[in-house]
Amino acid sequence: MESPLERQYSWTKDELVLYFVDP
């Protein structure tokens, strides 16, 4: 069972990485 919060957290993590790589 995948939790929406976990999914959102993963997405945010990816976004953060991209943001840090190329702000």
C-alpha atoms as a PDB file:
ATOM      1  CA  MET A   1       0.000   0.000   0.000  1.00  0.00           C
ATOM      2  CA  GLU A   2       1.558   3.266  -1.124  1.00  0.00           C
ATOM      3  CA  SER A   3       0.825   6.307   0.988  1.00  0.00           C
ATOM      4  CA  PRO A   4       0.137   9.621  -0.790  1.00  0.00           C
ATOM      5  CA  LEU A   5       2.422  11.351   1.680  1.00  0.00           C
ATOM      6  CA  GLU A   6       5.296   9.011   0.833  1.00  0.00           C
ATOM      7  CA  ARG A   7       4.699   9.543  -2.865  1.00  0.00           C
ATOM      8  CA  GLN A   8       4.636  13.319  -2.399  1.00  0.00           C
ATOM      9  CA  TYR A   9       7.798  13.141  -0.275  1.00  0.00           C
ATOM     10  CA  SER A  10       9.625  11.273  -3.026  1.00  0.00           C
ATOM     11  CA  TRP A  11       8.460  13.794  -5.609  1.00  0.00           C
ATOM     12  CA  THR A  12       9.562  16.681  -3.397  1.00  0.00           C
ATOM     13  CA  LYS A  13      12.947  15.027  -2.933  1.00  0.00           C
ATOM     14  CA  ASP A  14      13.375  14.788  -6.698  1.00  0.00           C
ATOM     15  CA  GLU A  15      12.322  18.395  -7.110  1.00  0.00           C
ATOM     16  CA  LEU A  16      14.756  19.496  -4.417  1.00  0.00           C
ATOM     17  CA  VAL A  17      17.600  17.686  -6.141  1.00  0.00           C
ATOM     18  CA  LEU A  18      16.751  19.301  -9.465  1.00  0.00           C
ATOM     19  CA  TYR A  19      16.394  22.662  -7.807  1.00  0.00           C
ATOM     20  CA  PHE A  20      19.807  22.321  -6.201  1.00  0.00           C
ATOM     21  CA  VAL A  21      21.388  21.078  -9.422  1.00  0.00           C
ATOM     22  CA  ASP A  22      19.933  23.837 -11.589  1.00  0.00           C
ATOM     23  CA  PRO A  23      18.070  26.535  -9.646  1.00  0.00           C
END
